[in-house]
Protein backbone atom coordinates (compact mmCIF):
# COMPACT_ATOMS: atom_id res chain seq x y z
CA MET A 1 5.15 -3.67 23.71
CA LYS A 2 4.52 0.12 24.76
CA LYS A 3 2.61 2.66 22.45
CA LEU A 4 4.74 5.29 20.52
CA GLY A 5 4.36 9.17 21.04
CA LEU A 6 5.84 11.55 19.02
CA SER A 7 8.81 13.48 20.32
CA VAL A 8 8.41 16.24 23.01
CA LEU A 9 9.30 18.55 20.39
CA ILE A 10 6.48 17.88 17.50
CA VAL A 11 3.73 17.14 20.57
CA ALA A 12 4.63 21.02 21.88
CA LEU A 13 4.84 22.25 18.65
CA LEU A 14 1.43 21.54 17.55
CA VAL A 15 -0.18 21.85 20.67
CA ILE A 16 0.86 25.06 20.85
CA GLY A 17 -0.11 25.43 16.76
CA ALA A 18 -3.52 24.26 17.37
CA ASN A 19 -4.17 26.36 20.35
CA VAL A 20 -2.84 29.54 18.78
CA ALA A 21 -4.08 28.81 15.19
CA GLY A 22 -6.86 26.91 15.44
CA HIS A 23 -8.87 24.97 12.93
CA HIS A 24 -7.99 27.05 10.06
CA PHE A 25 -4.03 26.37 10.21
CA ARG A 26 -4.61 22.49 10.25
CA TYR A 27 -3.30 21.60 6.95
CA ASP A 28 -0.09 23.23 7.88
CA LEU A 29 0.17 21.47 10.85
CA HIS A 30 -0.22 18.41 9.32
CA ALA A 31 2.19 19.15 6.65
CA ALA A 32 4.61 20.21 9.58
CA ALA A 33 4.26 17.07 11.21
CA ILE A 34 4.75 14.94 7.76
CA ASN A 35 8.16 16.70 6.76
CA PHE A 36 9.33 16.29 10.57
CA GLU A 37 8.73 12.32 10.89
CA ARG A 38 10.44 11.93 7.25
CA GLU A 39 13.47 14.29 8.15
CA ALA A 40 13.89 12.60 11.22
CA ALA A 41 14.27 9.25 8.98
CA SER A 42 16.67 11.05 7.22
CA LEU A 43 14.25 10.62 4.00
CA GLU A 44 13.95 12.95 1.22
CA PRO A 45 10.99 13.41 -1.23
CA TYR A 46 11.48 12.80 -4.89
CA THR A 47 9.62 12.41 -8.31
CA THR A 48 10.13 10.58 -11.16
CA GLN A 49 7.91 10.15 -14.67
CA ILE A 50 6.38 6.64 -15.34
CA ASP A 51 4.63 6.48 -18.67
CA GLY A 52 3.69 10.74 -18.64
CA GLU A 53 2.84 10.55 -14.73
CA VAL A 54 4.34 12.30 -11.88
CA VAL A 55 5.53 9.31 -9.50
CA ASN A 56 6.32 10.38 -5.63
CA TYR A 57 8.68 8.30 -3.56
CA TYR A 58 10.97 9.13 -0.63
CA SER A 59 14.48 8.01 -0.47
CA SER A 60 17.94 8.22 1.56
CA ALA A 61 21.33 8.43 0.96
CA GLU A 62 22.27 6.29 -1.96
CA LYS A 63 24.01 3.36 -0.57
CA PRO A 64 24.99 0.11 -2.53
CA GLU A 65 22.27 -2.32 -0.50
CA LYS A 66 18.93 -1.13 -1.30
CA ILE A 67 15.53 -1.88 0.65
CA VAL A 68 12.12 -0.64 -1.03
CA MET A 69 9.05 -0.47 1.24
CA LEU A 70 5.53 -0.98 -0.19
CA HIS A 71 2.16 -0.18 1.74
CA GLY A 72 -1.02 -1.38 1.52
CA PHE A 73 -4.33 -0.41 0.60
CA THR A 74 -5.50 3.15 1.39
CA GLY A 75 -1.90 3.81 2.61
CA SER A 76 1.02 5.99 1.79
CA LYS A 77 4.95 6.33 1.89
CA ASP A 78 4.24 7.82 5.00
CA ASN A 79 3.41 4.49 6.72
CA TRP A 80 7.29 3.81 7.15
CA PRO A 81 9.59 6.96 8.19
CA ARG A 82 9.95 5.26 11.98
CA TYR A 83 10.49 2.15 10.91
CA ALA A 84 12.48 2.78 8.16
CA SER A 85 14.93 4.65 10.17
CA HIS A 86 16.77 1.89 11.56
CA PHE A 87 17.94 0.95 8.07
CA ILE A 88 19.40 4.48 6.75
CA ASP A 89 22.79 3.38 8.28
CA ARG A 90 23.51 0.42 6.02
CA TYR A 91 21.00 0.49 3.27
CA GLN A 92 19.23 2.86 0.80
CA VAL A 93 15.65 3.03 1.88
CA ILE A 94 13.18 3.97 -1.34
CA VAL A 95 9.55 4.03 0.04
CA PRO A 96 7.23 4.99 -2.89
CA ASP A 97 3.56 6.10 -3.02
CA LEU A 98 2.02 3.03 -4.79
CA LYS A 99 -0.47 3.35 -8.32
CA GLY A 100 -3.31 5.39 -7.17
CA HIS A 101 -2.50 6.03 -3.58
CA GLY A 102 -0.54 9.22 -1.65
CA GLU A 103 0.17 11.85 -3.79
CA ASN A 104 0.09 9.98 -6.97
CA LYS A 105 -2.39 10.45 -9.64
CA GLN A 106 -6.07 9.57 -8.62
CA ASP A 107 -7.83 7.94 -11.69
CA LEU A 108 -11.37 6.36 -11.23
CA ASN A 109 -10.72 4.63 -14.44
CA GLY A 110 -7.37 3.70 -13.46
CA SER A 111 -6.48 0.03 -13.50
CA TYR A 112 -4.66 -0.70 -9.71
CA HIS A 113 -4.64 -4.84 -10.22
CA VAL A 114 -1.62 -6.66 -8.38
CA GLU A 115 0.00 -7.22 -11.66
CA ASP A 116 -0.23 -3.49 -12.42
CA GLN A 117 1.03 -2.34 -9.27
CA VAL A 118 4.20 -5.21 -9.90
CA GLN A 119 4.69 -3.80 -13.07
CA PHE A 120 4.61 -0.06 -11.62
CA VAL A 121 7.29 -0.93 -9.30
CA ASP A 122 9.59 -2.67 -11.45
CA ALA A 123 8.95 0.62 -13.89
CA LEU A 124 9.97 2.81 -11.04
CA MET A 125 13.18 0.81 -9.91
CA GLY A 126 14.29 1.06 -13.48
CA ALA A 127 13.58 4.52 -13.76
CA ILE A 128 15.96 5.43 -10.98
CA GLY A 129 18.45 2.89 -11.79
CA VAL A 130 17.68 -0.02 -8.74
CA LYS A 131 18.76 -3.40 -10.04
CA LYS A 132 18.60 -5.54 -7.00
CA PHE A 133 16.87 -4.77 -3.19
CA HIS A 134 15.36 -5.95 -0.41
CA LEU A 135 11.50 -5.92 -0.35
CA VAL A 136 9.31 -5.09 2.46
CA GLY A 137 5.38 -4.96 1.90
CA ASN A 138 2.44 -4.83 4.40
CA SER A 139 -0.99 -6.05 3.51
CA MET A 140 -1.87 -5.37 -0.23
CA GLY A 141 1.64 -4.11 -0.55
CA GLY A 142 2.74 -7.81 0.61
CA ALA A 143 1.04 -9.63 -2.12
CA ILE A 144 2.17 -6.95 -4.30
CA SER A 145 6.11 -7.72 -3.13
CA MET A 146 5.60 -11.59 -3.31
CA LEU A 147 3.99 -11.37 -6.82
CA TYR A 148 7.15 -9.43 -7.65
CA ALA A 149 9.67 -11.99 -6.19
CA ALA A 150 8.09 -14.29 -8.37
CA SER A 151 8.18 -12.40 -11.60
CA PHE A 152 11.93 -10.86 -10.72
CA PRO A 153 13.50 -13.20 -8.92
CA GLU A 154 16.85 -12.10 -9.98
CA LYS A 155 16.22 -8.26 -9.07
CA THR A 156 14.72 -9.69 -5.35
CA ALA A 157 17.20 -10.03 -2.78
CA SER A 158 14.50 -11.16 -0.04
CA VAL A 159 11.49 -10.90 1.07
CA THR A 160 9.55 -9.32 4.49
CA LEU A 161 5.91 -9.53 4.37
CA ILE A 162 3.93 -7.66 6.92
CA SER A 163 0.61 -8.83 7.59
CA PRO A 164 0.42 -9.74 4.08
CA ALA A 165 -2.42 -10.31 1.71
CA GLY A 166 -2.52 -13.26 -0.68
CA VAL A 167 -3.63 -16.03 1.90
CA HIS A 168 -7.19 -16.11 3.51
CA ASP A 169 -8.09 -19.34 4.56
CA VAL A 170 -9.04 -18.72 7.60
CA PRO A 171 -11.73 -15.57 7.46
CA SER A 172 -11.51 -12.70 9.63
CA GLU A 173 -13.55 -10.39 11.43
CA MET A 174 -13.41 -8.02 8.20
CA ASP A 175 -14.53 -10.54 5.78
CA THR A 176 -17.29 -11.33 8.57
CA ILE A 177 -18.42 -7.27 7.77
CA LEU A 178 -17.61 -7.51 4.10
CA GLU A 179 -20.24 -10.42 4.07
CA GLY A 180 -22.81 -8.00 5.52
CA GLY A 181 -22.02 -5.40 3.01
CA LYS A 182 -19.73 -2.59 4.42
CA ASN A 183 -16.58 -1.94 4.11
CA PRO A 184 -14.47 -1.16 7.56
CA LEU A 185 -11.46 0.18 5.22
CA ILE A 186 -13.42 2.93 3.47
CA ALA A 187 -14.15 6.21 5.40
CA ARG A 188 -16.95 8.33 4.20
CA THR A 189 -17.19 10.17 6.84
CA GLU A 190 -14.42 11.67 9.22
CA GLN A 191 -15.97 9.35 12.36
CA GLN A 192 -15.36 6.41 10.33
CA PHE A 193 -11.80 6.95 9.33
CA ILE A 194 -11.47 7.12 13.40
CA GLU A 195 -13.05 3.91 13.41
CA ILE A 196 -10.79 2.30 11.17
CA LEU A 197 -8.02 3.76 13.01
CA ASP A 198 -9.18 1.59 15.73
CA PHE A 199 -9.74 -1.52 13.24
CA VAL A 200 -6.41 -1.94 11.91
CA MET A 201 -4.16 -1.02 14.84
CA SER A 202 -4.32 -2.51 18.35
CA GLU A 203 -1.49 -0.62 19.68
CA GLN A 204 -1.69 3.00 18.11
CA PRO A 205 0.32 5.91 17.85
CA PHE A 206 -0.12 9.22 19.62
CA ILE A 207 -1.88 11.20 16.84
CA PRO A 208 -2.59 15.05 18.00
CA GLY A 209 -6.11 15.96 16.78
CA PRO A 210 -5.17 18.43 13.88
CA ILE A 211 -3.37 15.50 12.05
CA SER A 212 -6.12 13.14 12.59
CA GLN A 213 -8.58 15.58 11.28
CA VAL A 214 -6.58 16.31 8.03
CA GLU A 215 -5.95 12.25 7.54
CA ALA A 216 -9.43 11.58 7.82
CA GLU A 217 -10.57 14.85 5.22
CA LYS A 218 -7.76 13.21 2.86
CA ALA A 219 -9.36 9.58 3.30
CA VAL A 220 -12.98 10.81 3.05
CA ALA A 221 -12.11 12.59 -0.44
CA ARG A 222 -10.69 9.81 -1.58
CA ALA A 223 -13.17 7.23 -1.10
CA ASP A 224 -14.70 6.71 -4.45
CA LEU A 225 -11.19 6.14 -5.34
CA ASN A 226 -10.42 3.17 -2.28
CA ALA A 227 -13.42 1.58 -3.63
CA VAL A 228 -12.22 0.87 -7.18
CA ILE A 229 -9.09 0.16 -5.84
CA PHE A 230 -10.33 -2.44 -3.16
CA LYS A 231 -13.17 -4.24 -5.82
CA GLN A 232 -9.77 -4.75 -7.98
CA LEU A 233 -7.98 -6.46 -5.43
CA ARG A 234 -10.67 -8.42 -4.18
CA GLU A 235 -11.20 -9.78 -7.90
CA ASP A 236 -7.56 -10.73 -7.66
CA LEU A 237 -8.20 -12.29 -4.52
CA ALA A 238 -10.91 -14.24 -5.72
CA ALA A 239 -8.69 -15.10 -9.44
CA GLY A 240 -6.08 -16.74 -7.40
CA VAL A 241 -3.23 -14.02 -7.08
CA ASN A 242 -1.73 -16.59 -4.32
CA SER A 243 -1.08 -19.31 -7.33
CA LYS A 244 2.22 -17.72 -7.78
CA ILE A 245 3.50 -17.58 -4.20
CA ASN A 246 4.88 -20.91 -4.39
CA GLN A 247 7.14 -20.30 -7.37
CA VAL A 248 8.92 -17.79 -4.75
CA ASN A 249 12.51 -19.06 -4.08
CA THR A 250 13.80 -16.02 -2.39
CA PRO A 251 14.33 -15.78 1.21
CA THR A 252 11.14 -15.00 2.93
CA PHE A 253 10.23 -13.72 6.52
CA ILE A 254 6.57 -13.27 7.30
CA ILE A 255 5.04 -11.20 10.45
CA TRP A 256 2.06 -11.09 11.56
CA GLY A 257 0.25 -9.22 14.42
CA GLU A 258 -1.69 -11.32 16.56
CA GLU A 259 -4.91 -9.30 16.89
CA ASP A 260 -4.75 -8.52 13.22
CA ARG A 261 -8.46 -7.56 12.31
CA VAL A 262 -7.99 -7.30 8.90
CA ILE A 263 -6.33 -10.55 7.71
CA ASN A 264 -6.45 -13.48 10.32
CA ALA A 265 -2.75 -13.91 11.69
CA LYS A 266 -3.74 -18.19 11.43
CA ASN A 267 -3.19 -17.90 7.81
CA ILE A 268 0.60 -17.17 8.65
CA ASP A 269 1.36 -21.00 8.68
CA LYS A 270 -0.08 -21.73 5.15
CA TYR A 271 1.72 -19.00 4.10
CA ALA A 272 4.94 -19.87 4.66
CA SER A 273 4.12 -23.33 3.99
CA LEU A 274 3.87 -22.25 0.27
CA VAL A 275 7.53 -20.78 0.22
CA ALA A 276 10.42 -22.99 0.91
CA GLY A 277 12.50 -22.08 4.12
CA ALA A 278 10.17 -18.75 5.14
CA LYS A 279 10.81 -17.78 8.42
CA THR A 280 7.71 -16.32 10.65
CA LEU A 281 7.27 -14.36 13.77
CA VAL A 282 3.52 -13.84 15.48
CA MET A 283 3.59 -10.58 17.64
CA SER A 284 1.21 -10.66 20.64
CA GLY A 285 -0.82 -7.62 21.18
CA ILE A 286 -0.21 -6.27 17.36
CA GLY A 287 -2.64 -5.61 14.97
CA HIS A 288 -2.20 -5.06 11.21
CA LEU A 289 0.53 -2.22 10.80
CA ALA A 290 3.19 -3.87 13.11
CA MET A 291 5.97 -1.27 11.38
CA VAL A 292 3.57 1.65 12.47
CA GLU A 293 2.12 0.29 15.97
CA VAL A 294 5.91 -1.24 17.00
CA PRO A 295 8.28 -0.24 14.21
CA SER A 296 11.63 -0.45 16.07
CA TYR A 297 10.87 -3.88 17.15
CA THR A 298 9.34 -4.70 13.58
CA ALA A 299 12.15 -3.32 12.29
CA ASP A 300 15.08 -4.76 14.36
CA GLU A 301 13.47 -8.46 13.31
CA THR A 302 13.68 -7.60 9.93
CA LEU A 303 17.39 -6.57 10.64
CA LYS A 304 18.32 -9.91 12.17
CA PHE A 305 16.42 -11.72 9.11
CA ILE A 306 18.29 -9.21 6.17
CA THR A 307 21.92 -9.11 7.66
CA GLN A 308 21.91 -12.98 8.24
CA LEU A 309 21.62 -13.46 5.03
CA ASN A 310 24.94 -12.45 3.98
């Protein structure tokens, strides 16, 4: 599976822009790249309100069948456009920023537990009038997806999990690092952000320097909030958030990167054993973010699973 680069057009734009504008305009270049990726996937930005707070999400054109994509810890809706682009001919794709993530409100005193995120997703679907949908979740988004399916089976058409949190019987490299008192997913310097990219992906897409720098600055700025969210997520895992997985009767497909250093791919069999009829796929040479590392292949496998349900 080959690395994916940006299109020739956007690479040329960024390289020329970087040479001409330099360091000063990196945020403009970042915004241009994000917009290009979103528009290439036929996604439009929208906002709604939940409990008086603005919620940001992307959506493609309305269609009868819906598919909702939930990012992982420290992620955002911008993790999904290349993967999402493969679904828009058949589905309305809805890609939210989860509570406390992306462009949504950042509150160090907020509650970001998995159950809170489940209720947040349900409130968002209610606010935009979506009654039933397919769910795709990565990492933390996978745990949210499973708990959502357990809580709202009548609203969940299927669940696709990509390196999901929830079952951690087989320790990962991240678990070892955490025991040493460090968190390999929280960047407090720009260099640590670069190291995180190396840690979570085995097949990284090309990211031009100005874009990477802005992403690093954003990650560093929200390090304290990320620490709060991660602490709550670990509390949920310790309290047995996976105890509801065996209540899921929704058709389920679990995808895992064999080189995942965040959550060990060897947990896939235990995860699948908790959901009757769950299908599995382990991808060789891929890390924690299959939908970013190999979006076309991951989307094709997801579509095969969903379409055979009809």
